[in-house]
Structures are given as structure tokens and as C-alpha cells.
Amino acid sequence: MKKLIRLLLTIALAVVVFTGFRWYRYVSNTDSPYDEIGITLNNFMPGPINSWGCAKLRSTFASSLPPYGCAAGDGTQWK
């Protein structure tokens, strides 16, 4: 039973690390703010983390339209 719990915890930790790394790569990229997986991950992040990610994207892509989840009101303004 201990081996099963250890295996499940290891898998859960690997998923969290991989997801966090993928999200951080998205918000710190300099290519495009419109990566579908990155947008989805950013939307699933808790409020303060999502806001930080949107601010980081805004600082890099200020002249672009904001991606879904970082748009305010009419969808053309950054949060």
C-alpha cells in the first residue's frame, strides 16, 4: 500500500512540476501571447498567479491584443 501511495504522489508531483514549467514558459516567452495551451494553463491558475502572468505577458506584448483571460471588458484592453 505504501508503494502505491508513493507512486501516486510521485506522479502528482511530476504533473504539477510539468504544468508549472509549461505555464512559466508561456508567460515568459517572446514569440506570441496566443499559444492555446499556455492560455488554458494561465486561465486555470489562481487569481494572483493569473494576474502576474497577464502582467508579464502585457509587458512583453503591450501592442498586441490580450489573449483570452487577460482581456478586460470589451476584449481589446489588458486587465
N, C-alpha and C. Protein backbone atom coordinates (compact mmCIF):
# COMPACT_ATOMS: atom_id res chain seq x y z
N MET A 1 0.82 -1.20 0.00
CA MET A 1 0.00 0.00 0.00
C MET A 1 0.87 1.26 0.00
N LYS A 2 1.99 1.22 0.74
CA LYS A 2 2.88 2.38 0.80
C LYS A 2 3.48 2.67 -0.58
N LYS A 3 3.80 1.62 -1.32
CA LYS A 3 4.38 1.81 -2.65
C LYS A 3 3.39 2.47 -3.59
N LEU A 4 2.13 2.09 -3.49
CA LEU A 4 1.09 2.69 -4.33
C LEU A 4 0.93 4.17 -4.01
N ILE A 5 0.89 4.51 -2.74
CA ILE A 5 0.76 5.91 -2.33
C ILE A 5 1.98 6.71 -2.79
N ARG A 6 3.15 6.15 -2.64
CA ARG A 6 4.37 6.82 -3.08
C ARG A 6 4.36 7.04 -4.59
N LEU A 7 3.92 6.05 -5.34
CA LEU A 7 3.82 6.17 -6.79
C LEU A 7 2.83 7.26 -7.19
N LEU A 8 1.67 7.28 -6.55
CA LEU A 8 0.66 8.29 -6.86
C LEU A 8 1.16 9.69 -6.52
N LEU A 9 1.84 9.84 -5.41
CA LEU A 9 2.40 11.14 -5.03
C LEU A 9 3.49 11.58 -6.01
N THR A 10 4.30 10.65 -6.46
CA THR A 10 5.34 10.97 -7.43
C THR A 10 4.73 11.41 -8.75
N ILE A 11 3.69 10.74 -9.19
CA ILE A 11 3.01 11.11 -10.43
C ILE A 11 2.36 12.49 -10.29
N ALA A 12 1.71 12.73 -9.16
CA ALA A 12 1.07 14.03 -8.93
C ALA A 12 2.10 15.15 -8.92
N LEU A 13 3.23 14.92 -8.27
CA LEU A 13 4.28 15.93 -8.23
C LEU A 13 4.84 16.19 -9.63
N ALA A 14 5.03 15.15 -10.40
CA ALA A 14 5.53 15.30 -11.77
C ALA A 14 4.56 16.12 -12.63
N VAL A 15 3.28 15.88 -12.47
CA VAL A 15 2.28 16.63 -13.23
C VAL A 15 2.31 18.11 -12.83
N VAL A 16 2.40 18.39 -11.54
CA VAL A 16 2.44 19.78 -11.06
C VAL A 16 3.70 20.48 -11.57
N VAL A 17 4.84 19.83 -11.51
CA VAL A 17 6.09 20.43 -11.97
C VAL A 17 6.03 20.68 -13.48
N PHE A 18 5.58 19.71 -14.24
CA PHE A 18 5.49 19.86 -15.69
C PHE A 18 4.53 20.98 -16.06
N THR A 19 3.37 21.03 -15.43
CA THR A 19 2.38 22.06 -15.72
C THR A 19 2.91 23.45 -15.36
N GLY A 20 3.54 23.56 -14.20
CA GLY A 20 4.11 24.84 -13.78
C GLY A 20 5.20 25.31 -14.72
N PHE A 21 6.05 24.40 -15.15
CA PHE A 21 7.11 24.75 -16.09
C PHE A 21 6.53 25.20 -17.41
N ARG A 22 5.53 24.50 -17.92
CA ARG A 22 4.90 24.84 -19.20
C ARG A 22 4.22 26.20 -19.12
N TRP A 23 3.56 26.49 -18.00
CA TRP A 23 2.91 27.78 -17.80
C TRP A 23 3.95 28.90 -17.75
N TYR A 24 5.04 28.69 -17.02
CA TYR A 24 6.07 29.72 -16.90
C TYR A 24 6.73 29.98 -18.26
N ARG A 25 6.94 28.94 -19.03
CA ARG A 25 7.49 29.13 -20.39
C ARG A 25 6.55 29.98 -21.23
N TYR A 26 5.25 29.81 -21.05
CA TYR A 26 4.28 30.60 -21.81
C TYR A 26 4.33 32.07 -21.41
N VAL A 27 4.28 32.38 -20.12
CA VAL A 27 4.22 33.78 -19.72
C VAL A 27 5.54 34.50 -19.89
N SER A 28 6.65 33.78 -20.01
CA SER A 28 7.94 34.43 -20.19
C SER A 28 8.43 34.35 -21.63
N ASN A 29 7.59 33.91 -22.56
CA ASN A 29 8.02 33.78 -23.96
C ASN A 29 8.07 35.15 -24.63
N THR A 30 8.74 35.22 -25.76
CA THR A 30 8.82 36.47 -26.52
C THR A 30 8.34 36.27 -27.95
N ASP A 31 7.70 35.13 -28.23
CA ASP A 31 7.23 34.84 -29.59
C ASP A 31 5.80 35.29 -29.83
N SER A 32 4.87 34.77 -29.03
CA SER A 32 3.46 35.06 -29.25
C SER A 32 2.67 34.84 -27.95
N PRO A 33 1.70 35.72 -27.68
CA PRO A 33 0.86 35.50 -26.50
C PRO A 33 -0.34 34.60 -26.78
N TYR A 34 -0.41 34.04 -27.97
CA TYR A 34 -1.61 33.29 -28.38
C TYR A 34 -1.41 31.78 -28.45
N ASP A 35 -0.57 31.23 -27.61
CA ASP A 35 -0.38 29.78 -27.52
C ASP A 35 -1.58 29.19 -26.79
N GLU A 36 -2.30 28.29 -27.42
CA GLU A 36 -3.56 27.77 -26.86
C GLU A 36 -3.36 27.06 -25.53
N ILE A 37 -2.33 26.26 -25.43
CA ILE A 37 -2.08 25.53 -24.18
C ILE A 37 -1.70 26.51 -23.07
N GLY A 38 -0.87 27.48 -23.39
CA GLY A 38 -0.47 28.48 -22.41
C GLY A 38 -1.64 29.30 -21.92
N ILE A 39 -2.52 29.69 -22.83
CA ILE A 39 -3.71 30.45 -22.45
C ILE A 39 -4.58 29.63 -21.50
N THR A 40 -4.77 28.37 -21.82
CA THR A 40 -5.58 27.49 -20.97
C THR A 40 -4.96 27.33 -19.59
N LEU A 41 -3.65 27.10 -19.54
CA LEU A 41 -2.98 26.96 -18.25
C LEU A 41 -3.07 28.24 -17.45
N ASN A 42 -2.90 29.39 -18.09
CA ASN A 42 -2.97 30.65 -17.37
C ASN A 42 -4.37 30.88 -16.80
N ASN A 43 -5.40 30.46 -17.53
CA ASN A 43 -6.77 30.62 -17.04
C ASN A 43 -7.07 29.72 -15.85
N PHE A 44 -6.39 28.57 -15.75
CA PHE A 44 -6.61 27.66 -14.64
C PHE A 44 -5.84 28.05 -13.38
N MET A 45 -4.90 28.99 -13.51
CA MET A 45 -4.12 29.40 -12.35
C MET A 45 -4.97 30.24 -11.40
N PRO A 46 -4.66 30.18 -10.09
CA PRO A 46 -5.39 31.02 -9.13
C PRO A 46 -5.22 32.50 -9.46
N GLY A 47 -6.12 33.34 -8.97
CA GLY A 47 -6.17 34.76 -9.27
C GLY A 47 -4.84 35.52 -9.26
N PRO A 48 -4.09 35.50 -8.15
CA PRO A 48 -2.84 36.26 -8.12
C PRO A 48 -1.80 35.75 -9.13
N ILE A 49 -1.74 34.46 -9.34
CA ILE A 49 -0.78 33.90 -10.29
C ILE A 49 -1.21 34.25 -11.71
N ASN A 50 -2.51 34.18 -11.99
CA ASN A 50 -3.03 34.56 -13.30
C ASN A 50 -2.74 36.04 -13.56
N SER A 51 -2.96 36.89 -12.58
CA SER A 51 -2.70 38.32 -12.75
C SER A 51 -1.23 38.59 -13.02
N TRP A 52 -0.34 37.88 -12.31
CA TRP A 52 1.09 38.06 -12.53
C TRP A 52 1.46 37.62 -13.95
N GLY A 53 0.89 36.50 -14.39
CA GLY A 53 1.15 36.01 -15.74
C GLY A 53 0.67 36.99 -16.80
N CYS A 54 -0.52 37.56 -16.59
CA CYS A 54 -1.05 38.55 -17.54
C CYS A 54 -0.19 39.81 -17.55
N ALA A 55 0.28 40.24 -16.39
CA ALA A 55 1.15 41.42 -16.32
C ALA A 55 2.47 41.16 -17.06
N LYS A 56 3.01 39.96 -16.90
CA LYS A 56 4.25 39.61 -17.59
C LYS A 56 4.03 39.58 -19.10
N LEU A 57 2.92 39.01 -19.54
CA LEU A 57 2.60 39.00 -20.97
C LEU A 57 2.38 40.42 -21.49
N ARG A 58 1.71 41.24 -20.69
CA ARG A 58 1.44 42.62 -21.11
C ARG A 58 2.74 43.40 -21.28
N SER A 59 3.70 43.18 -20.39
CA SER A 59 4.97 43.90 -20.51
C SER A 59 5.73 43.50 -21.78
N THR A 60 5.53 42.29 -22.23
CA THR A 60 6.21 41.81 -23.44
C THR A 60 5.42 42.14 -24.71
N PHE A 61 4.10 42.06 -24.65
CA PHE A 61 3.26 42.21 -25.83
C PHE A 61 2.25 43.34 -25.67
N ALA A 62 2.69 44.50 -25.20
CA ALA A 62 1.79 45.62 -24.91
C ALA A 62 1.02 46.10 -26.14
N SER A 63 1.61 45.99 -27.31
CA SER A 63 0.95 46.50 -28.52
C SER A 63 0.00 45.47 -29.16
N SER A 64 -0.04 44.25 -28.63
CA SER A 64 -0.91 43.21 -29.18
C SER A 64 -2.24 43.16 -28.42
N LEU A 65 -3.22 42.54 -29.04
CA LEU A 65 -4.47 42.29 -28.33
C LEU A 65 -4.21 41.27 -27.24
N PRO A 66 -4.84 41.41 -26.09
CA PRO A 66 -4.60 40.46 -25.00
C PRO A 66 -5.21 39.09 -25.30
N PRO A 67 -4.56 38.03 -24.84
CA PRO A 67 -5.15 36.69 -25.02
C PRO A 67 -6.34 36.51 -24.07
N TYR A 68 -7.13 35.51 -24.35
CA TYR A 68 -8.28 35.19 -23.50
C TYR A 68 -7.82 35.00 -22.07
N GLY A 69 -8.51 35.61 -21.14
CA GLY A 69 -8.16 35.50 -19.73
C GLY A 69 -7.36 36.70 -19.23
N CYS A 70 -6.79 37.45 -20.15
CA CYS A 70 -6.03 38.66 -19.79
C CYS A 70 -6.72 39.91 -20.31
N ALA A 71 -7.86 39.72 -20.93
CA ALA A 71 -8.59 40.86 -21.52
C ALA A 71 -9.61 41.39 -20.54
N ALA A 72 -9.80 42.69 -20.57
CA ALA A 72 -10.81 43.34 -19.74
C ALA A 72 -11.96 43.77 -20.63
N GLY A 73 -13.14 43.80 -20.07
CA GLY A 73 -14.33 44.34 -20.71
C GLY A 73 -14.57 43.91 -22.14
N ASP A 74 -14.19 44.75 -23.10
CA ASP A 74 -14.53 44.52 -24.50
C ASP A 74 -13.57 43.57 -25.21
N GLY A 75 -12.53 43.08 -24.54
CA GLY A 75 -11.61 42.12 -25.14
C GLY A 75 -10.45 42.74 -25.88
N THR A 76 -10.41 44.08 -25.92
CA THR A 76 -9.29 44.74 -26.61
C THR A 76 -8.35 45.44 -25.64
N GLN A 77 -8.70 45.47 -24.38
CA GLN A 77 -7.88 46.13 -23.36
C GLN A 77 -7.30 45.07 -22.43
N TRP A 78 -6.05 45.29 -21.98
CA TRP A 78 -5.44 44.40 -21.00
C TRP A 78 -6.05 44.66 -19.63
N LYS A 79 -6.09 43.63 -18.77
CA LYS A 79 -6.56 43.78 -17.39
C LYS A 79 -5.66 44.70 -16.65
